[in-house]
Amino acid sequence: GYCTDGKAPDEPRQVAVIVHGIDEDLFKLAVTSNIHRDDVPVSDMIGIIREARERNGFKGRGADAEVARYLNLLPSRVSEYKKVSTAPEEIRSRIASGEIRSLDAALKLRAIGSFPD
């Protein structure tokens, strides 16, 4: 073999792959195969929905429905994640830190407008 790292051809190596310009279908495949798990953090879902919206140019009236269709989610679920993404900073920071992991908890805290002591 033609190894330039000093290892024998049959020795294991770590390989890093950098992909530029990920194809939209690969993004959709990767995301939709994982978002229906129960353990996806709220902050990750907010980011996934935001990324799907930006990648596809979903804007204005009907954008939530387009995102929902793209990600195979209920439109109401997309709307709920959108609501918690605009919660007060105190709640958003606790979502980002992983302290709040449940969408239901985040929605309830958003409804009361603060985090109880």
C-alpha atoms as a PDB file:
ATOM      1  CA  GLY A   1       0.000   0.000   0.000  1.00  0.00           C
ATOM      2  CA  TYR A   2       0.860   3.649  -0.247  1.00  0.00           C
ATOM      3  CA  CYS A   3       0.554   4.788   3.373  1.00  0.00           C
ATOM      4  CA  THR A   4       2.211   8.068   4.244  1.00  0.00           C
ATOM      5  CA  ASP A   5       1.396   8.117   7.942  1.00  0.00           C
ATOM      6  CA  GLY A   6       4.031   5.573   8.963  1.00  0.00           C
ATOM      7  CA  LYS A   7       1.513   2.828   9.701  1.00  0.00           C
ATOM      8  CA  ALA A   8       1.425  -0.515   7.982  1.00  0.00           C
ATOM      9  CA  PRO A   9      -1.287  -0.850   5.317  1.00  0.00           C
ATOM     10  CA  ASP A  10      -3.351  -3.189   7.518  1.00  0.00           C
ATOM     11  CA  GLU A  11      -3.244  -1.023  10.691  1.00  0.00           C
ATOM     12  CA  PRO A  12      -6.486   0.737  11.655  1.00  0.00           C
ATOM     13  CA  ARG A  13      -6.771   4.464  11.004  1.00  0.00           C
ATOM     14  CA  GLN A  14      -9.167   7.220  11.935  1.00  0.00           C
ATOM     15  CA  VAL A  15     -10.738   8.854   8.926  1.00  0.00           C
ATOM     16  CA  ALA A  16     -12.352  12.292   8.897  1.00  0.00           C
ATOM     17  CA  VAL A  17     -14.722  13.232   6.130  1.00  0.00           C
ATOM     18  CA  ILE A  18     -15.747  16.809   5.467  1.00  0.00           C
ATOM     19  CA  VAL A  19     -18.853  17.274   3.365  1.00  0.00           C
ATOM     20  CA  HIS A  20     -19.488  20.650   1.767  1.00  0.00           C
ATOM     21  CA  GLY A  21     -22.965  21.573   0.566  1.00  0.00           C
ATOM     22  CA  ILE A  22     -24.951  18.720   2.046  1.00  0.00           C
ATOM     23  CA  ASP A  23     -27.737  17.780  -0.316  1.00  0.00           C
ATOM     24  CA  GLU A  24     -31.173  18.809   0.946  1.00  0.00           C
ATOM     25  CA  ASP A  25     -32.463  15.256   0.672  1.00  0.00           C
ATOM     26  CA  LEU A  26     -29.661  14.036   2.946  1.00  0.00           C
ATOM     27  CA  PHE A  27     -30.576  16.682   5.518  1.00  0.00           C
ATOM     28  CA  LYS A  28     -34.226  15.660   5.369  1.00  0.00           C
ATOM     29  CA  LEU A  29     -33.357  11.964   5.594  1.00  0.00           C
ATOM     30  CA  ALA A  30     -31.065  12.461   8.584  1.00  0.00           C
ATOM     31  CA  VAL A  31     -33.526  14.672  10.410  1.00  0.00           C
ATOM     32  CA  THR A  32     -36.750  12.805   9.749  1.00  0.00           C
ATOM     33  CA  SER A  33     -35.217   9.488  10.747  1.00  0.00           C
ATOM     34  CA  ASN A  34     -34.456  10.903  14.208  1.00  0.00           C
ATOM     35  CA  ILE A  35     -37.017  13.555  15.169  1.00  0.00           C
ATOM     36  CA  HIS A  36     -39.749  11.110  16.078  1.00  0.00           C
ATOM     37  CA  ARG A  37     -37.732   9.693  18.975  1.00  0.00           C
ATOM     38  CA  ASP A  38     -38.957  10.654  22.434  1.00  0.00           C
ATOM     39  CA  ASP A  39     -35.538  11.803  23.633  1.00  0.00           C
ATOM     40  CA  VAL A  40     -34.833  14.624  21.155  1.00  0.00           C
ATOM     41  CA  PRO A  41     -34.145  17.753  23.240  1.00  0.00           C
ATOM     42  CA  VAL A  42     -36.456  20.728  22.754  1.00  0.00           C
ATOM     43  CA  SER A  43     -33.488  22.914  21.783  1.00  0.00           C
ATOM     44  CA  ASP A  44     -32.514  20.452  19.028  1.00  0.00           C
ATOM     45  CA  MET A  45     -36.057  20.416  17.639  1.00  0.00           C
ATOM     46  CA  ILE A  46     -36.173  24.209  17.599  1.00  0.00           C
ATOM     47  CA  GLY A  47     -32.899  24.216  15.641  1.00  0.00           C
ATOM     48  CA  ILE A  48     -34.087  21.528  13.231  1.00  0.00           C
ATOM     49  CA  ILE A  49     -37.298  23.416  12.488  1.00  0.00           C
ATOM     50  CA  ARG A  50     -35.368  26.667  12.019  1.00  0.00           C
ATOM     51  CA  GLU A  51     -32.863  24.948   9.713  1.00  0.00           C
ATOM     52  CA  ALA A  52     -35.629  23.316   7.636  1.00  0.00           C
ATOM     53  CA  ARG A  53     -37.326  26.709   7.296  1.00  0.00           C
ATOM     54  CA  GLU A  54     -34.105  28.448   6.202  1.00  0.00           C
ATOM     55  CA  ARG A  55     -32.876  25.697   3.850  1.00  0.00           C
ATOM     56  CA  ASN A  56     -36.180  25.616   2.002  1.00  0.00           C
ATOM     57  CA  GLY A  57     -37.088  29.291   2.102  1.00  0.00           C
ATOM     58  CA  PHE A  58     -40.341  28.659   3.949  1.00  0.00           C
ATOM     59  CA  LYS A  59     -41.522  32.172   4.824  1.00  0.00           C
ATOM     60  CA  GLY A  60     -44.679  34.042   5.612  1.00  0.00           C
ATOM     61  CA  ARG A  61     -48.175  32.734   5.920  1.00  0.00           C
ATOM     62  CA  GLY A  62     -48.292  28.960   5.662  1.00  0.00           C
ATOM     63  CA  ALA A  63     -44.598  28.463   6.464  1.00  0.00           C
ATOM     64  CA  ASP A  64     -45.357  26.364   9.563  1.00  0.00           C
ATOM     65  CA  ALA A  65     -47.524  24.032   7.470  1.00  0.00           C
ATOM     66  CA  GLU A  66     -44.756  23.717   4.860  1.00  0.00           C
ATOM     67  CA  VAL A  67     -42.177  22.921   7.559  1.00  0.00           C
ATOM     68  CA  ALA A  68     -44.551  20.368   9.080  1.00  0.00           C
ATOM     69  CA  ARG A  69     -45.081  18.680   5.722  1.00  0.00           C
ATOM     70  CA  TYR A  70     -41.334  18.659   5.000  1.00  0.00           C
ATOM     71  CA  LEU A  71     -40.481  17.142   8.404  1.00  0.00           C
ATOM     72  CA  ASN A  72     -43.539  14.880   8.564  1.00  0.00           C
ATOM     73  CA  LEU A  73     -44.777  16.543  11.759  1.00  0.00           C
ATOM     74  CA  LEU A  74     -48.179  17.837  12.755  1.00  0.00           C
ATOM     75  CA  PRO A  75     -48.549  21.566  11.998  1.00  0.00           C
ATOM     76  CA  SER A  76     -49.620  22.098  15.611  1.00  0.00           C
ATOM     77  CA  ARG A  77     -46.331  20.571  16.817  1.00  0.00           C
ATOM     78  CA  VAL A  78     -44.304  22.964  14.643  1.00  0.00           C
ATOM     79  CA  SER A  79     -46.370  25.837  16.050  1.00  0.00           C
ATOM     80  CA  GLU A  80     -45.661  24.689  19.618  1.00  0.00           C
ATOM     81  CA  TYR A  81     -41.904  24.613  19.024  1.00  0.00           C
ATOM     82  CA  LYS A  82     -42.149  28.059  17.445  1.00  0.00           C
ATOM     83  CA  LYS A  83     -43.924  29.331  20.580  1.00  0.00           C
ATOM     84  CA  VAL A  84     -41.219  28.069  22.940  1.00  0.00           C
ATOM     85  CA  SER A  85     -38.508  29.509  20.682  1.00  0.00           C
ATOM     86  CA  THR A  86     -39.958  32.956  21.486  1.00  0.00           C
ATOM     87  CA  ALA A  87     -40.328  32.351  25.228  1.00  0.00           C
ATOM     88  CA  PRO A  88     -38.684  34.757  27.673  1.00  0.00           C
ATOM     89  CA  GLU A  89     -34.876  34.547  27.759  1.00  0.00           C
ATOM     90  CA  GLU A  90     -34.894  32.860  31.177  1.00  0.00           C
ATOM     91  CA  ILE A  91     -36.891  29.927  29.784  1.00  0.00           C
ATOM     92  CA  ARG A  92     -34.952  29.758  26.497  1.00  0.00           C
ATOM     93  CA  SER A  93     -31.634  29.609  28.337  1.00  0.00           C
ATOM     94  CA  ARG A  94     -32.893  26.737  30.473  1.00  0.00           C
ATOM     95  CA  ILE A  95     -34.090  24.948  27.342  1.00  0.00           C
ATOM     96  CA  ALA A  96     -30.682  25.478  25.711  1.00  0.00           C
ATOM     97  CA  SER A  97     -28.875  24.167  28.803  1.00  0.00           C
ATOM     98  CA  GLY A  98     -31.011  21.015  28.799  1.00  0.00           C
ATOM     99  CA  GLU A  99     -32.593  21.798  32.153  1.00  0.00           C
ATOM    100  CA  ILE A 100     -36.000  21.894  30.424  1.00  0.00           C
ATOM    101  CA  ARG A 101     -36.221  18.834  28.187  1.00  0.00           C
ATOM    102  CA  SER A 102     -39.969  18.458  27.743  1.00  0.00           C
ATOM    103  CA  LEU A 103     -41.939  20.459  25.189  1.00  0.00           C
ATOM    104  CA  ASP A 104     -44.972  20.334  27.488  1.00  0.00           C
ATOM    105  CA  ALA A 105     -42.970  21.802  30.379  1.00  0.00           C
ATOM    106  CA  ALA A 106     -41.569  24.547  28.126  1.00  0.00           C
ATOM    107  CA  LEU A 107     -45.062  25.423  26.880  1.00  0.00           C
ATOM    108  CA  LYS A 108     -46.455  25.571  30.417  1.00  0.00           C
ATOM    109  CA  LEU A 109     -43.624  27.797  31.594  1.00  0.00           C
ATOM    110  CA  ARG A 110     -44.076  30.038  28.566  1.00  0.00           C
ATOM    111  CA  ALA A 111     -47.782  30.327  29.350  1.00  0.00           C
ATOM    112  CA  ILE A 112     -47.093  31.574  32.871  1.00  0.00           C
ATOM    113  CA  GLY A 113     -44.264  33.754  31.584  1.00  0.00           C
ATOM    114  CA  SER A 114     -41.617  32.894  34.133  1.00  0.00           C
ATOM    115  CA  PHE A 115     -39.715  30.130  35.808  1.00  0.00           C
ATOM    116  CA  PRO A 116     -40.873  29.324  39.335  1.00  0.00           C
ATOM    117  CA  ASP A 117     -38.303  29.629  42.131  1.00  0.00           C
END
